[in-house]
Amino acid sequence: MDDVVIRADGLTKKFGGFTAVDHITFEVGKGEIFGFLGANGAGKTTAMRMLCGLSHPTSGSGTVAGYDISKDQEKIKANIGYMSQKFSLYEDLKVWENMRLFGGIYGMKESDIKEKTDRILDNLGFSGERDTLVRDLPLGWKQKLAFSVSIFHSPKIVFLDEPTGGVDPKTRRQFWEMIYQAVHDGITVFVTTHYMDEAEYCDRVSIMVDGRIEALDSPRNLKRQTCSETMGEVFRKFARKATRSAD
């Protein structure tokens, strides 16, 4: 694959006698939307933590944005964005304060932070909420703001960990429009989701079962290979092979 921005080769993570991630190998190309699917306990969160430079692999190797995941964790963190359903924004800070904080963390110039904050808030229709505390925003607004913050510094790759959890279908569609715009701007998207309709939006999808990648292809090809009409059917056919239940 040309322009590979994420590469995993035999990537493995063990916790004592438990193998959470078991020799996974895959590549993600520049500008791709890559869906990383798996039931709870499949190992996808552990794998993502290694790729983000937050956890050392037990064995195997990998690179993200050209940097070694075992040696260059800080360089990886500087070149990626990350959004989690659990934590992405500081609830007790105002909208603009969150954006200024994250821009500063990534070393952006003050003038660039101000210009980009104004532009993003205007694009989101949030200009009237710039002084609102994040905790007072509706959930859907928080999710869209959190995504904007995760790519505020124009990273090469953004990792999205169940980014649309709990929001209504209309907001999820709007969120995916923002993802498509990010890809148009040159950002590669690595996303986990429990919504199988969202898997249809990905260029390629991998499905993890018990720490291993059991399937990897485009949604269209996976449906054809498994004689399925939807990605939900595809996922269930692979996920039922699982024998463990804790990540």
Protein backbone atom coordinates (compact mmCIF):
# COMPACT_ATOMS: atom_id res chain seq x y z
CA MET A 1 0.00 0.00 0.00
CA ASP A 2 1.34 3.41 -0.98
CA ASP A 3 1.54 6.18 1.61
CA VAL A 4 1.13 3.90 4.61
CA VAL A 5 0.53 5.97 7.76
CA ILE A 6 -0.21 3.14 10.20
CA ARG A 7 1.53 -0.22 10.12
CA ALA A 8 1.24 -3.10 12.59
CA ASP A 9 3.33 -6.25 12.16
CA GLY A 10 2.66 -9.10 14.56
CA LEU A 11 1.62 -6.61 17.22
CA THR A 12 1.04 -8.38 20.54
CA LYS A 13 0.13 -7.33 24.07
CA LYS A 14 0.08 -9.70 27.03
CA PHE A 15 -0.95 -9.09 30.61
CA GLY A 16 0.57 -11.95 32.56
CA GLY A 17 -0.82 -15.10 30.98
CA PHE A 18 -3.59 -13.25 29.15
CA THR A 19 -3.00 -12.25 25.51
CA ALA A 20 -5.14 -9.18 24.88
CA VAL A 21 -3.81 -8.55 21.36
CA ASP A 22 -2.52 -11.58 19.49
CA HIS A 23 -0.11 -10.96 16.59
CA ILE A 24 -2.19 -8.54 14.54
CA THR A 25 -0.88 -7.31 11.19
CA PHE A 26 -2.44 -4.59 9.02
CA GLU A 27 -1.76 -1.29 7.24
CA VAL A 28 -3.74 1.92 6.89
CA GLY A 29 -3.17 4.24 3.95
CA LYS A 30 -3.07 8.03 3.92
CA GLY A 31 -6.51 9.58 3.67
CA GLU A 32 -8.31 6.35 4.50
CA ILE A 33 -11.25 5.90 6.86
CA PHE A 34 -10.34 2.68 8.63
CA GLY A 35 -12.95 1.02 10.84
CA PHE A 36 -11.56 -0.99 13.76
CA LEU A 37 -14.38 -3.18 15.02
CA GLY A 38 -14.74 -5.77 17.73
CA ALA A 39 -17.06 -6.75 20.55
CA ASN A 40 -16.20 -5.82 24.13
CA GLY A 41 -13.21 -7.94 25.07
CA ALA A 42 -11.90 -8.31 21.52
CA GLY A 43 -8.75 -6.28 22.22
CA LYS A 44 -9.39 -3.25 20.04
CA THR A 45 -8.94 -0.70 22.85
CA THR A 46 -5.63 -2.29 23.89
CA ALA A 47 -4.46 -2.24 20.27
CA MET A 48 -5.44 1.41 19.86
CA ARG A 49 -3.53 2.34 23.03
CA MET A 50 -0.35 0.82 21.57
CA LEU A 51 -0.81 2.66 18.28
CA CYS A 52 -1.33 5.96 20.13
CA GLY A 53 1.92 5.55 22.07
CA LEU A 54 0.12 4.97 25.38
CA SER A 55 1.14 1.36 25.90
CA HIS A 56 4.25 -0.67 25.00
CA PRO A 57 3.73 -3.83 22.92
CA THR A 58 4.92 -7.12 24.36
CA SER A 59 6.18 -8.16 20.93
CA GLY A 60 5.79 -7.26 17.30
CA SER A 61 6.29 -3.83 15.80
CA GLY A 62 4.43 -0.90 14.37
CA THR A 63 4.70 2.62 13.03
CA VAL A 64 2.30 5.55 13.15
CA ALA A 65 2.95 8.64 11.02
CA GLY A 66 6.37 7.14 10.31
CA TYR A 67 7.34 6.81 13.99
CA ASP A 68 8.09 3.61 15.88
CA ILE A 69 5.42 2.82 18.46
CA SER A 70 8.03 1.30 20.80
CA LYS A 71 10.58 4.13 20.62
CA ASP A 72 8.89 7.33 19.47
CA GLN A 73 5.78 7.60 21.62
CA GLU A 74 6.08 11.35 22.18
CA LYS A 75 6.55 12.03 18.46
CA ILE A 76 3.50 9.91 17.72
CA LYS A 77 1.41 11.88 20.24
CA ALA A 78 2.47 15.14 18.57
CA ASN A 79 1.33 13.92 15.14
CA ILE A 80 -2.04 12.40 15.97
CA GLY A 81 -5.39 13.55 17.27
CA TYR A 82 -7.47 11.51 19.67
CA MET A 83 -11.11 11.58 20.68
CA SER A 84 -12.71 9.28 23.21
CA GLN A 85 -16.35 8.99 24.17
CA LYS A 86 -15.21 8.97 27.80
CA PHE A 87 -12.93 12.02 27.83
CA SER A 88 -12.10 14.66 25.26
CA LEU A 89 -12.94 18.06 26.74
CA TYR A 90 -12.63 19.85 30.06
CA GLU A 91 -16.19 20.33 31.30
CA ASP A 92 -15.33 23.23 33.64
CA LEU A 93 -13.69 25.31 30.90
CA LYS A 94 -15.47 27.48 28.37
CA VAL A 95 -15.68 26.43 24.74
CA TRP A 96 -12.95 28.82 23.60
CA GLU A 97 -10.76 27.94 26.59
CA ASN A 98 -10.76 24.27 25.59
CA MET A 99 -9.65 25.17 22.09
CA ARG A 100 -6.93 27.50 23.34
CA LEU A 101 -5.70 24.86 25.80
CA PHE A 102 -5.34 22.11 23.20
CA GLY A 103 -3.81 24.46 20.65
CA GLY A 104 -1.24 25.48 23.25
CA ILE A 105 -0.48 21.86 24.17
CA TYR A 106 0.41 21.20 20.53
CA GLY A 107 2.62 24.28 20.32
CA MET A 108 0.48 26.38 18.00
CA LYS A 109 1.04 30.13 17.82
CA GLU A 110 -1.40 32.30 19.76
CA SER A 111 -2.48 34.13 16.60
CA ASP A 112 -3.12 30.83 14.80
CA ILE A 113 -5.13 29.52 17.75
CA LYS A 114 -7.35 32.61 17.78
CA GLU A 115 -7.90 32.57 14.01
CA LYS A 116 -8.69 28.87 13.95
CA THR A 117 -10.97 29.07 16.99
CA ASP A 118 -13.04 31.81 15.34
CA ARG A 119 -13.23 29.90 12.06
CA ILE A 120 -14.22 26.57 13.61
CA LEU A 121 -16.86 28.08 15.89
CA ASP A 122 -18.33 29.93 12.92
CA ASN A 123 -18.38 26.74 10.79
CA LEU A 124 -20.06 24.82 13.60
CA GLY A 125 -22.57 27.57 14.26
CA PHE A 126 -21.20 27.81 17.81
CA SER A 127 -20.02 31.44 17.77
CA GLY A 128 -22.72 32.37 20.26
CA GLU A 129 -21.51 29.64 22.63
CA ARG A 130 -17.82 30.53 22.80
CA ASP A 131 -18.15 31.61 26.45
CA THR A 132 -20.41 28.71 27.45
CA LEU A 133 -19.02 26.12 29.85
CA VAL A 134 -18.65 22.80 28.06
CA ARG A 135 -20.69 21.00 30.71
CA ASP A 136 -23.70 23.14 29.73
CA LEU A 137 -23.65 22.08 26.06
CA PRO A 138 -25.98 19.37 24.70
CA LEU A 139 -24.21 16.02 24.16
CA GLY A 140 -24.30 16.25 20.37
CA TRP A 141 -22.67 19.69 20.49
CA LYS A 142 -20.00 18.36 22.83
CA GLN A 143 -19.18 15.52 20.43
CA LYS A 144 -18.85 17.84 17.44
CA LEU A 145 -16.73 20.25 19.46
CA ALA A 146 -14.56 17.40 20.77
CA PHE A 147 -13.87 16.22 17.23
CA SER A 148 -12.97 19.75 16.15
CA VAL A 149 -10.56 19.99 19.09
CA SER A 150 -9.00 16.60 18.27
CA ILE A 151 -7.98 17.84 14.81
CA PHE A 152 -7.35 21.46 15.85
CA HIS A 153 -3.58 21.09 15.26
CA SER A 154 -4.07 19.48 11.81
CA PRO A 155 -2.69 16.04 12.74
CA LYS A 156 -1.77 13.43 10.15
CA ILE A 157 -4.06 10.88 11.79
CA VAL A 158 -7.01 11.08 14.17
CA PHE A 159 -8.02 8.15 16.38
CA LEU A 160 -11.72 8.14 17.25
CA ASP A 161 -12.81 5.75 20.00
CA GLU A 162 -16.59 5.31 19.75
CA PRO A 163 -17.00 9.03 19.01
CA THR A 164 -20.77 9.04 18.42
CA GLY A 165 -21.88 7.00 21.41
CA GLY A 166 -25.16 8.19 22.88
CA VAL A 167 -26.04 10.81 20.28
CA ASP A 168 -29.11 10.80 18.05
CA PRO A 169 -29.02 9.60 14.39
CA LYS A 170 -29.19 13.13 12.95
CA THR A 171 -26.17 14.25 14.99
CA ARG A 172 -24.30 11.09 14.00
CA ARG A 173 -24.86 11.91 10.32
CA GLN A 174 -23.60 15.46 10.89
CA PHE A 175 -20.58 14.06 12.72
CA TRP A 176 -19.71 11.84 9.79
CA GLU A 177 -19.94 14.82 7.45
CA MET A 178 -17.21 16.37 9.62
CA ILE A 179 -15.16 13.18 9.27
CA TYR A 180 -15.45 13.31 5.49
CA GLN A 181 -14.31 16.93 5.54
CA ALA A 182 -11.29 15.99 7.67
CA VAL A 183 -10.36 13.30 5.15
CA HIS A 184 -10.76 15.84 2.35
CA ASP A 185 -8.28 18.01 4.26
CA GLY A 186 -5.72 15.18 4.29
CA ILE A 187 -6.33 13.59 7.70
CA THR A 188 -6.44 9.80 8.01
CA VAL A 189 -9.25 8.50 10.26
CA PHE A 190 -8.96 5.41 12.48
CA VAL A 191 -12.32 4.80 14.13
CA THR A 192 -13.96 2.30 16.46
CA THR A 193 -17.73 2.14 16.65
CA HIS A 194 -20.55 -0.05 17.90
CA TYR A 195 -22.90 1.32 15.24
CA MET A 196 -22.70 -1.04 12.28
CA ASP A 197 -24.34 1.44 9.94
CA GLU A 198 -21.25 3.63 10.53
CA ALA A 199 -19.03 0.76 9.46
CA GLU A 200 -20.61 1.15 6.02
CA TYR A 201 -19.04 4.62 5.79
CA CYS A 202 -15.48 3.28 6.14
CA ASP A 203 -13.17 2.54 3.23
CA ARG A 204 -12.03 -0.67 4.92
CA VAL A 205 -13.00 -2.47 8.09
CA SER A 206 -11.18 -4.91 10.34
CA ILE A 207 -13.02 -7.15 12.80
CA MET A 208 -11.20 -8.36 15.89
CA VAL A 209 -12.20 -11.53 17.73
CA ASP A 210 -10.37 -12.70 20.86
CA GLY A 211 -7.35 -10.51 20.17
CA ARG A 212 -6.94 -11.48 16.52
CA ILE A 213 -8.06 -9.85 13.28
CA GLU A 214 -10.56 -12.28 11.78
CA ALA A 215 -11.56 -10.16 8.79
CA LEU A 216 -10.24 -7.11 6.93
CA ASP A 217 -11.65 -5.71 3.71
CA SER A 218 -14.04 -3.11 2.32
CA PRO A 219 -17.62 -3.26 3.64
CA ARG A 220 -18.82 -4.29 0.18
CA ASN A 221 -16.36 -7.17 -0.07
CA LEU A 222 -17.02 -8.35 3.49
CA LYS A 223 -20.76 -8.47 2.81
CA ARG A 224 -20.18 -10.39 -0.41
CA GLN A 225 -17.74 -12.84 1.20
CA THR A 226 -20.15 -13.65 4.03
CA CYS A 227 -23.39 -13.53 1.98
CA SER A 228 -24.65 -10.72 4.19
CA GLU A 229 -26.85 -7.75 3.40
CA THR A 230 -25.55 -5.45 6.13
CA MET A 231 -22.37 -4.90 8.14
CA GLY A 232 -24.42 -5.81 11.21
CA GLU A 233 -24.86 -9.30 9.79
CA VAL A 234 -21.16 -9.49 8.92
CA PHE A 235 -20.15 -8.46 12.41
CA ARG A 236 -22.43 -10.97 14.11
CA LYS A 237 -21.11 -13.84 11.99
CA PHE A 238 -17.56 -13.16 13.13
CA ALA A 239 -18.29 -12.00 16.69
CA ARG A 240 -20.14 -15.20 17.58
CA LYS A 241 -16.79 -17.01 17.34
CA ALA A 242 -15.57 -15.16 20.45
CA THR A 243 -14.80 -17.21 23.55
CA ARG A 244 -13.84 -14.43 25.97
CA SER A 245 -15.75 -11.48 27.36
CA ALA A 246 -13.31 -9.06 29.08
CA ASP A 247 -10.91 -6.61 27.40
